[in-house]
Protein backbone atom coordinates (compact mmCIF):
# COMPACT_ATOMS: atom_id res chain seq x y z
CA MET A 1 77.16 40.59 53.93
CA LEU A 2 80.13 40.96 56.06
CA GLN A 3 79.52 44.07 58.71
CA ILE A 4 82.49 45.13 60.77
CA TYR A 5 82.20 47.49 63.61
CA ASN A 6 83.97 51.07 62.75
CA ASN A 7 85.65 53.08 65.38
CA LEU A 8 86.11 56.16 62.75
CA THR A 9 82.31 56.22 62.55
CA LYS A 10 80.71 54.18 65.61
CA GLN A 11 78.49 52.16 63.99
CA LYS A 12 78.50 48.72 62.18
CA GLU A 13 78.99 49.15 58.30
CA GLU A 14 78.92 46.83 55.45
CA PHE A 15 82.58 46.15 54.59
CA LYS A 16 83.23 47.26 50.58
CA PRO A 17 86.67 46.60 49.56
CA ILE A 18 89.07 49.31 47.85
CA ASN A 19 90.22 46.48 45.55
CA PRO A 20 87.60 43.31 45.46
CA LYS A 21 90.92 41.65 44.17
CA GLN A 22 93.28 42.31 47.62
CA ILE A 23 92.42 43.78 50.75
CA GLY A 24 94.97 45.64 52.53
CA ILE A 25 95.07 45.15 56.66
CA TYR A 26 97.60 46.85 58.89
CA VAL A 27 98.08 45.52 62.93
CA CYS A 28 99.97 47.46 65.21
CA GLY A 29 101.99 45.13 66.88
CA LEU A 30 104.56 44.66 69.38
CA THR A 31 107.12 46.75 71.03
CA PRO A 32 109.80 43.87 71.57
CA TYR A 33 111.36 44.80 75.17
CA ASP A 34 109.79 42.26 77.02
CA TYR A 35 107.67 38.70 76.84
CA CYS A 36 104.26 39.12 75.28
CA HIS A 37 101.20 39.17 77.87
CA ILE A 38 97.82 37.90 77.54
CA GLY A 39 96.82 41.14 75.96
CA ASN A 40 99.45 41.12 73.36
CA ALA A 41 97.94 37.83 72.30
CA ARG A 42 94.60 38.63 72.31
CA ILE A 43 95.79 40.89 69.76
CA LEU A 44 97.77 38.13 67.50
CA VAL A 45 94.41 35.61 68.03
CA ILE A 46 91.85 38.41 67.22
CA PHE A 47 93.40 39.61 63.93
CA ASP A 48 94.58 36.03 63.26
CA VAL A 49 90.71 34.75 62.98
CA VAL A 50 89.90 38.28 60.90
CA VAL A 51 92.16 36.92 58.33
CA ARG A 52 91.67 33.54 58.52
CA TYR A 53 87.79 34.51 58.02
CA LEU A 54 88.50 36.80 55.24
CA ARG A 55 90.09 34.56 53.18
CA ASN A 56 87.71 31.95 53.74
CA LEU A 57 85.33 34.34 52.07
CA GLY A 58 87.04 34.55 48.58
CA TYR A 59 89.23 37.55 49.47
CA LYS A 60 92.89 37.73 48.70
CA VAL A 61 94.45 39.54 52.12
CA LYS A 62 97.62 41.38 52.31
CA TYR A 63 98.27 41.41 56.08
CA VAL A 64 101.14 43.88 57.45
CA ARG A 65 101.78 43.52 61.18
CA ASN A 66 104.62 45.60 62.17
CA ILE A 67 107.23 45.68 64.81
CA THR A 68 108.23 48.84 66.48
CA ASP A 69 111.71 47.87 67.48
CA ILE A 70 113.39 51.44 68.40
CA ASP A 71 111.73 52.93 71.42
CA ASP A 72 112.12 54.97 74.58
CA LYS A 73 111.10 51.58 76.62
CA ILE A 74 113.70 49.39 74.06
CA ILE A 75 116.71 51.96 74.95
CA ASN A 76 115.90 51.87 78.71
CA ARG A 77 115.58 48.23 78.74
CA ALA A 78 118.94 48.01 76.71
CA ARG A 79 120.68 49.91 79.22
CA GLN A 80 119.35 48.22 82.10
CA ASN A 81 120.40 44.87 80.91
CA ASN A 82 123.90 46.38 79.81
CA GLU A 83 123.15 44.76 76.38
CA ASP A 84 122.90 46.34 72.61
CA TYR A 85 119.42 47.29 71.75
CA GLN A 86 119.21 45.23 68.06
CA LYS A 87 120.27 42.13 70.56
CA LEU A 88 117.55 42.91 73.13
CA THR A 89 115.19 43.56 70.50
CA ASP A 90 116.08 40.09 68.21
CA ARG A 91 115.50 38.08 71.38
CA PHE A 92 112.01 39.06 72.04
CA ILE A 93 111.00 39.18 68.63
CA ASP A 94 112.01 35.41 68.29
CA PHE A 95 110.43 34.64 71.82
CA MET A 96 106.94 36.20 70.04
CA HIS A 97 107.16 34.29 67.20
CA GLU A 98 107.59 31.17 69.19
CA ASP A 99 104.58 32.25 71.34
CA GLU A 100 102.37 32.94 68.10
CA LYS A 101 103.20 29.39 66.77
CA THR A 102 102.19 27.69 70.16
CA LEU A 103 98.96 29.63 69.86
CA GLY A 104 98.56 28.11 66.37
CA VAL A 105 98.87 32.29 64.99
CA LEU A 106 99.40 32.32 61.14
CA THR A 107 102.18 34.62 59.88
CA PRO A 108 101.82 37.85 58.29
CA ASP A 109 102.40 38.47 54.93
CA VAL A 110 104.76 41.14 56.01
CA GLU A 111 106.04 42.01 59.56
CA PRO A 112 108.27 45.25 58.92
CA ARG A 113 110.52 46.63 61.55
CA ALA A 114 110.71 50.19 61.93
CA THR A 115 114.29 50.67 61.74
CA GLN A 116 114.50 48.86 58.33
CA HIS A 117 112.15 51.93 57.23
CA ILE A 118 114.01 54.89 57.77
CA PRO A 119 113.95 56.40 54.63
CA GLU A 120 110.50 56.58 53.97
CA ILE A 121 109.66 57.82 57.72
CA ILE A 122 112.13 61.18 56.57
CA GLN A 123 110.54 61.41 53.35
CA ILE A 124 106.94 61.64 55.14
CA ILE A 125 108.59 64.21 57.92
CA GLN A 126 110.24 66.15 55.26
CA THR A 127 106.64 66.39 53.34
CA LEU A 128 104.90 67.31 56.37
CA LEU A 129 107.47 70.19 57.11
CA ASP A 130 106.89 71.12 53.32
CA LYS A 131 103.18 71.60 53.99
CA SER A 132 103.82 73.35 57.23
CA TYR A 133 101.79 70.76 59.31
CA ALA A 134 105.31 69.97 60.97
CA TYR A 135 108.05 72.47 62.77
CA THR A 136 111.48 72.30 63.74
CA ALA A 137 111.49 73.29 67.76
CA THR A 138 114.24 74.95 69.53
CA ASN A 139 115.88 71.69 70.65
CA GLY A 140 116.04 70.32 66.88
CA ASP A 141 113.35 67.88 67.15
CA ILE A 142 110.79 67.78 64.86
CA TYR A 143 107.01 68.03 65.89
CA TYR A 144 103.39 67.64 64.14
CA GLN A 145 101.44 70.70 65.09
CA VAL A 146 98.07 69.63 65.53
CA SER A 147 95.90 73.29 65.04
CA LYS A 148 96.91 72.88 61.48
CA PHE A 149 94.83 69.51 60.59
CA LYS A 150 91.29 70.81 61.54
CA LYS A 151 90.16 67.05 61.23
CA TYR A 152 91.82 66.15 64.52
CA GLY A 153 90.07 64.29 66.85
CA GLN A 154 87.72 62.46 64.59
CA LEU A 155 88.58 58.92 65.56
CA ALA A 156 88.13 59.83 69.07
CA HIS A 157 85.21 61.78 68.77
CA GLN A 158 86.14 65.03 70.33
CA ASP A 159 87.10 68.66 68.93
CA ILE A 160 90.88 69.89 69.52
CA ASP A 161 89.80 72.21 72.12
CA SER A 162 88.10 69.40 74.45
CA LEU A 163 91.16 67.66 73.71
CA GLN A 164 93.03 70.14 74.66
CA SER A 165 91.39 71.38 77.84
CA GLY A 166 91.75 67.38 78.95
CA SER A 167 95.34 67.04 78.51
CA ARG A 168 97.28 66.34 81.07
CA VAL A 169 100.56 66.61 79.62
CA ALA A 170 102.55 69.70 80.01
CA VAL A 171 103.83 71.88 77.53
CA ALA A 172 107.11 71.29 76.86
CA ASP A 173 109.44 74.12 76.54
CA VAL A 174 109.83 73.15 73.10
CA LYS A 175 106.30 72.34 72.16
CA ARG A 176 103.71 75.01 70.97
CA ASP A 177 100.80 73.09 72.25
CA PRO A 178 100.16 70.03 74.53
CA LEU A 179 98.61 67.93 71.99
CA ASP A 180 101.68 68.34 69.40
CA PHE A 181 103.72 64.87 69.02
CA VAL A 182 107.41 64.32 67.68
CA LEU A 183 108.07 62.98 64.63
CA TRP A 184 111.97 63.01 65.00
CA LYS A 185 114.14 63.13 67.87
CA LEU A 186 117.55 64.25 68.10
CA SER A 187 119.91 61.42 69.71
CA LYS A 188 121.69 61.89 72.83
CA PRO A 189 125.28 60.22 72.55
CA ASP A 190 124.57 57.13 74.35
CA GLU A 191 121.46 56.50 72.03
CA PRO A 192 121.11 54.68 68.74
CA ALA A 193 121.07 57.15 65.97
CA TRP A 194 120.02 57.78 62.06
CA ASN A 195 121.05 60.23 59.84
CA SER A 196 118.56 62.82 58.47
CA PRO A 197 118.03 66.29 57.23
CA TRP A 198 117.80 67.31 60.72
CA GLY A 199 120.77 65.58 62.10
CA LYS A 200 121.29 62.35 63.80
CA GLY A 201 118.10 60.85 65.68
CA ARG A 202 115.17 58.45 65.75
CA PRO A 203 111.74 58.86 64.84
CA GLY A 204 109.30 59.30 66.91
CA TRP A 205 106.49 56.48 67.73
CA HIS A 206 103.64 57.20 65.40
CA ILE A 207 105.17 58.16 62.31
CA GLU A 208 106.91 54.79 61.77
CA CYS A 209 103.29 53.43 61.36
CA SER A 210 102.26 55.43 58.64
CA ALA A 211 105.53 55.26 57.08
CA MET A 212 105.27 50.97 56.99
CA ALA A 213 101.40 51.00 56.22
CA ALA A 214 101.84 53.25 53.32
CA HIS A 215 104.85 51.74 52.08
CA TYR A 216 103.56 48.26 51.85
CA LEU A 217 99.25 48.60 51.23
CA GLY A 218 99.43 52.13 49.92
CA LYS A 219 98.18 55.84 51.35
CA HIS A 220 94.76 54.53 51.16
CA PHE A 221 93.93 50.92 52.43
CA ASP A 222 91.20 49.25 53.90
CA ILE A 223 91.47 48.10 57.78
CA HIS A 224 93.66 49.20 60.46
CA GLY A 225 93.77 47.68 63.66
CA GLY A 226 94.97 47.57 67.46
CA GLY A 227 94.60 47.40 70.64
CA ALA A 228 91.59 49.96 72.19
CA ASP A 229 94.69 51.69 74.22
CA LEU A 230 95.99 52.99 70.82
CA LEU A 231 92.77 54.60 69.45
CA PHE A 232 94.25 57.74 71.04
CA PRO A 233 96.56 59.35 70.83
CA HIS A 234 98.54 56.61 68.36
CA HIS A 235 95.76 55.93 66.22
CA GLU A 236 94.70 59.19 66.02
CA ASN A 237 97.97 60.83 65.43
CA GLU A 238 98.60 58.34 62.37
CA ILE A 239 95.65 59.85 60.85
CA ALA A 240 96.63 63.42 61.26
CA GLN A 241 100.02 63.07 59.84
CA SER A 242 99.18 60.41 57.22
CA GLU A 243 96.10 62.52 55.75
CA ALA A 244 98.40 65.76 55.80
CA ALA A 245 101.12 64.02 54.31
CA PHE A 246 99.13 62.38 51.44
CA GLY A 247 96.13 64.49 51.04
CA CYS A 248 93.62 61.63 50.94
CA LYS A 249 91.79 59.25 53.32
CA PHE A 250 94.09 57.21 55.01
CA VAL A 251 92.15 54.15 56.42
CA ASN A 252 88.66 53.12 55.49
CA THR A 253 87.82 50.90 58.73
CA TRP A 254 88.85 51.18 62.23
CA MET A 255 89.04 48.04 64.16
CA HIS A 256 89.65 48.26 68.21
CA VAL A 257 90.22 45.14 70.31
CA GLY A 258 89.01 45.64 74.39
CA PHE A 259 91.28 45.61 77.00
CA VAL A 260 92.10 42.52 79.20
CA LYS A 261 91.00 42.83 83.22
CA VAL A 262 91.96 40.13 85.30
CA ASP A 263 89.00 39.20 87.75
CA GLN A 264 87.28 42.33 86.65
CA LYS A 265 90.59 44.59 87.28
CA LYS A 266 92.39 46.05 84.89
CA MET A 267 95.78 44.43 84.18
CA SER A 268 98.57 45.97 85.04
CA LYS A 269 101.76 45.53 86.57
CA SER A 270 101.70 47.81 89.41
CA LEU A 271 98.50 46.01 90.87
CA GLY A 272 100.58 42.68 90.48
CA ASN A 273 98.11 41.16 88.42
CA PHE A 274 100.19 41.05 85.26
CA PHE A 275 100.63 37.55 83.53
CA THR A 276 102.82 37.08 80.33
CA LEU A 277 101.44 34.14 77.98
CA ARG A 278 104.49 31.95 79.03
CA GLU A 279 102.85 32.30 82.63
CA VAL A 280 99.58 31.32 81.42
CA LEU A 281 100.79 28.46 79.13
CA LYS A 282 102.46 26.91 82.00
CA LEU A 283 98.63 26.01 83.38
CA TYR A 284 96.61 25.95 80.02
CA ASN A 285 96.86 24.16 76.70
CA PRO A 286 97.49 26.62 73.91
CA GLU A 287 94.34 25.91 72.59
CA THR A 288 92.60 26.29 75.51
CA ILE A 289 93.83 29.56 75.74
CA ARG A 290 92.89 30.58 71.68
CA TYR A 291 89.22 29.10 73.05
CA PHE A 292 89.08 31.16 76.03
CA ILE A 293 90.11 34.87 74.19
CA LEU A 294 87.17 33.86 71.07
CA ALA A 295 84.68 33.24 73.52
CA SER A 296 84.25 36.94 74.30
CA HIS A 297 83.46 39.54 71.39
CA TYR A 298 86.58 41.68 70.81
CA HIS A 299 85.00 44.47 71.51
CA SER A 300 84.36 44.15 74.96
CA PRO A 301 86.62 43.64 77.96
CA LEU A 302 88.51 40.00 78.27
CA ASN A 303 88.29 38.91 81.71
CA TYR A 304 91.03 36.70 82.65
CA SER A 305 90.35 34.19 85.80
CA ASP A 306 90.90 30.77 86.49
CA HIS A 307 87.18 30.04 85.88
CA ASN A 308 86.86 31.68 82.51
CA LEU A 309 89.76 29.32 81.23
CA ASN A 310 88.84 26.24 83.13
CA ASN A 311 85.19 26.71 81.22
CA ALA A 312 87.21 26.82 77.91
CA GLN A 313 89.29 23.76 78.91
CA ILE A 314 85.80 21.81 79.60
CA ALA A 315 84.41 23.23 76.07
CA LEU A 316 87.06 22.24 74.01
CA THR A 317 87.05 18.93 76.05
CA ARG A 318 83.24 18.25 74.72
CA PHE A 319 84.42 19.46 71.38
CA TYR A 320 86.86 16.64 71.05
CA ILE A 321 84.84 13.91 72.82
CA ALA A 322 82.68 14.80 69.73
CA LEU A 323 84.92 14.27 66.98
CA ARG A 324 86.58 10.68 68.97
CA ASP A 325 86.59 8.28 66.56
CA LEU A 326 84.45 9.46 63.72
CA PRO A 327 85.34 8.06 60.07
CA LYS A 328 87.16 10.98 58.03
CA VAL A 329 84.00 12.35 55.36
CA LYS A 330 84.04 15.26 53.35
CA TYR A 331 82.00 18.12 54.96
CA GLU A 332 78.85 19.35 53.28
CA GLU A 333 77.26 22.56 53.67
CA ASN A 334 74.61 22.46 56.52
CA LYS A 335 72.44 24.62 58.49
CA PHE A 336 74.86 24.68 61.06
CA GLU A 337 77.30 26.35 58.88
CA GLN A 338 74.96 28.78 57.65
CA ARG A 339 74.67 29.90 61.82
CA PHE A 340 78.22 30.08 62.00
CA TYR A 341 78.76 32.24 59.03
CA LYS A 342 76.19 34.53 59.97
CA ALA A 343 77.47 35.23 63.07
CA MET A 344 81.03 35.98 61.67
CA ASP A 345 79.73 38.06 59.39
CA ASP A 346 78.23 40.10 62.10
CA ASP A 347 81.74 41.77 63.08
CA PHE A 348 83.09 38.69 63.57
CA ASN A 349 80.82 37.61 66.51
CA THR A 350 82.69 34.52 67.77
CA PRO A 351 80.75 33.69 70.91
CA LEU A 352 77.91 33.53 68.43
CA ALA A 353 80.11 31.44 66.32
CA LEU A 354 81.24 28.75 68.92
CA SER A 355 77.41 28.44 70.00
CA ALA A 356 76.73 26.96 66.85
CA LEU A 357 79.62 24.51 67.13
CA PHE A 358 78.40 23.69 70.30
CA ASP A 359 75.02 22.96 68.66
CA ILE A 360 76.81 20.93 65.85
CA VAL A 361 78.35 18.94 68.98
CA LYS A 362 74.95 18.27 70.30
CA GLU A 363 73.89 16.67 67.15
CA ILE A 364 76.73 14.30 66.46
CA ASN A 365 76.14 13.52 69.69
CA SER A 366 72.41 12.79 69.52
CA LEU A 367 73.19 11.06 65.96
CA ARG A 368 76.26 8.73 67.89
CA ASP A 369 73.12 7.85 70.34
CA ILE A 370 70.98 6.17 67.15
CA ASN A 371 74.15 4.66 65.56
CA ARG A 372 74.15 6.83 62.60
CA ILE A 373 77.87 7.39 62.26
CA THR A 374 78.22 8.30 58.96
CA GLU A 375 75.81 11.47 59.40
CA ALA A 376 77.67 12.22 62.94
CA ALA A 377 81.17 12.10 60.93
CA ARG A 378 79.47 14.67 58.33
CA LEU A 379 78.73 17.25 61.04
CA GLY A 380 82.59 16.25 62.51
CA ALA A 381 83.99 17.37 59.07
CA THR A 382 81.71 20.19 59.41
CA LEU A 383 83.16 20.80 63.09
CA LYS A 384 86.84 20.49 61.96
CA HIS A 385 86.37 22.68 59.07
CA LEU A 386 84.55 25.68 60.88
CA GLY A 387 86.92 25.21 64.20
CA ASN A 388 89.99 25.63 61.59
CA LEU A 389 88.39 29.19 60.76
CA LEU A 390 88.74 29.86 64.51
CA GLY A 391 92.40 27.74 64.45
CA ILE A 392 90.96 25.33 66.75
CA LEU A 393 89.90 21.61 67.00
CA GLN A 394 92.69 20.72 64.66
CA GLN A 395 94.36 18.36 66.96
CA ASP A 396 94.08 14.79 66.94
CA PRO A 397 91.19 13.98 69.46
CA GLU A 398 93.37 11.69 71.22
CA THR A 399 96.37 13.74 71.33
CA PHE A 400 93.89 16.55 73.00
CA LEU A 401 92.27 14.33 74.88
CA HIS A 402 95.29 12.74 76.48
CA SER A 403 97.59 16.06 76.78
CA ASN A 404 97.37 16.27 80.71
CA ILE A 405 98.18 12.48 81.13
CA ASP A 406 102.04 12.04 82.34
CA ILE A 407 103.51 9.98 79.67
CA ASN A 408 105.40 7.46 82.58
CA LYS A 409 101.67 6.32 83.90
CA SER A 410 100.32 5.53 80.32
CA GLN A 411 101.49 1.88 81.05
CA LEU A 412 99.73 2.18 84.32
CA ILE A 413 96.47 2.95 82.96
CA GLU A 414 96.29 0.54 80.41
CA ASN A 415 97.23 -2.56 82.78
CA LEU A 416 94.76 -0.89 85.19
CA ILE A 417 92.06 -0.67 81.96
CA LYS A 418 93.04 -4.57 81.00
CA GLU A 419 92.48 -5.49 84.51
CA ARG A 420 89.11 -3.87 85.10
CA ASP A 421 87.94 -5.54 81.73
CA ILE A 422 88.51 -8.97 83.07
CA ALA A 423 86.90 -7.90 86.67
CA ARG A 424 83.77 -6.93 84.59
CA ASN A 425 83.98 -9.96 82.43
CA ASN A 426 83.89 -11.89 85.79
CA LYS A 427 80.76 -9.71 86.93
CA ASN A 428 83.36 -8.65 89.54
CA TRP A 429 81.38 -5.05 89.84
CA SER A 430 83.00 -4.14 93.37
CA ARG A 431 86.74 -4.32 91.78
CA ALA A 432 85.91 -2.73 88.77
CA ASP A 433 84.43 0.30 90.41
CA GLN A 434 87.45 0.40 92.69
CA ILE A 435 89.42 0.62 89.26
CA ARG A 436 87.52 3.57 87.85
CA ASP A 437 87.85 5.35 91.31
CA GLN A 438 91.44 4.52 91.21
CA LEU A 439 91.75 5.87 87.64
CA ILE A 440 89.32 9.19 88.43
CA ALA A 441 91.74 9.82 91.26
CA MET A 442 94.54 9.88 88.92
CA GLY A 443 92.54 12.23 86.47
CA ILE A 444 91.59 9.90 83.98
CA GLU A 445 87.85 9.05 83.03
CA LEU A 446 86.60 6.12 81.02
CA GLU A 447 84.22 5.35 78.45
CA ASP A 448 83.34 2.08 77.50
CA THR A 449 82.17 1.57 73.89
CA PRO A 450 81.13 -1.09 71.43
CA ASN A 451 84.68 -1.36 70.56
CA GLY A 452 86.06 -1.22 73.54
CA THR A 453 87.29 0.95 77.00
CA ILE A 454 88.98 4.29 75.95
CA TYR A 455 90.28 6.94 78.13
CA ARG A 456 90.75 10.35 78.43
CA SER A 457 92.28 13.29 80.77
CA ILE A 458 89.92 15.03 83.13
CA PRO A 459 90.27 18.73 82.46
CA VAL A 460 92.38 20.07 85.20
CA ILE A 461 90.45 23.02 87.31
CA ILE A 462 93.15 25.53 88.71
CA LYS A 463 92.61 27.31 91.85
CA LYS A 464 95.23 29.55 92.53
């Protein structure tokens, strides 16, 4: 029985799909004006695993992850670059697709862009105006009137009065209340603009997601996800405008992924501890980054540190060593698989699921020691099957274990191993040990097996 923590109710709940034949999931995606950072990568990976797991349980899933391709940040960056905003967004969308492919993230079923859904956005805004949930300000912009929606604050678990008193947003001359938010902005002469009944302009950020989610998943769907920073006000505002316009519950389950910290401090550009995914990929294998993300529960803060990434690399190395040279067999259900599913059914508890995989590795190694290779291979098949649900352990073991080896040194390594074999056959243990030490200094670790000597790269320990 799958249970998911629902931020709307602040408790774990049994997952009961609206339509058992197809689950609808909407995740707030990127605003493409810069490269993906490690926080973006966490969102991509976590919901990739959620979708993989739900499909493995037998559900058909329609996964929608939007792109906000019009926004103040985009306009400002395009202006700084002296380029068209669409060229800017297209470029960074391509970069995002490259990054998600590198991380092994499956493509969502639908990836709508806000600018492709202006008619749907206008229709919802008009409905809100007709129902008196929205008003035209004196400057011509359209605002949502929060005081009209009595359940406002249900996701943040605060009432309107407390939100108003705690608001640090000054009341603009055109706004009736500091909590009111813009639905349609009239554009300045040098800004992108679309025709509307209220004049040329562009949509506010919040209304975009309500329109795209409803268009692809309906007015009421199963799961809405995003980063913890979106819970308020973005997702709160989505609920307010959607339920006011559609007259029904918007989303059953709200999932939010925790913040990323760097050495226990909040990641931010102002602190100089902000990392793009591409910067991190220069130091670590993509699968290492993915494992690092999954080693923490998605609710919890993710602490980016060399120590944690190095541990992820060492853990993956242990997995691939266990899988090395195992014959291919069909996996069979066993106690380890049951433990894995129990962990994942508990709000996608990936750290606990990984611990079940570690126990499989221990058992494989024990079976290898007593030469029960067929049984070890069956567990290896289980390890790969369950790893696939997390998007890991799908590489050829030799490929992963040699990933840090300079291809130009491969022949030298092979020659040294042959020379060492000769030294050992001649009982020249001193020379054999010298060669082993030389290879270790090159970052190569040897393993003597009944079938000969094999080697792998030693996990690189990064220390900045």
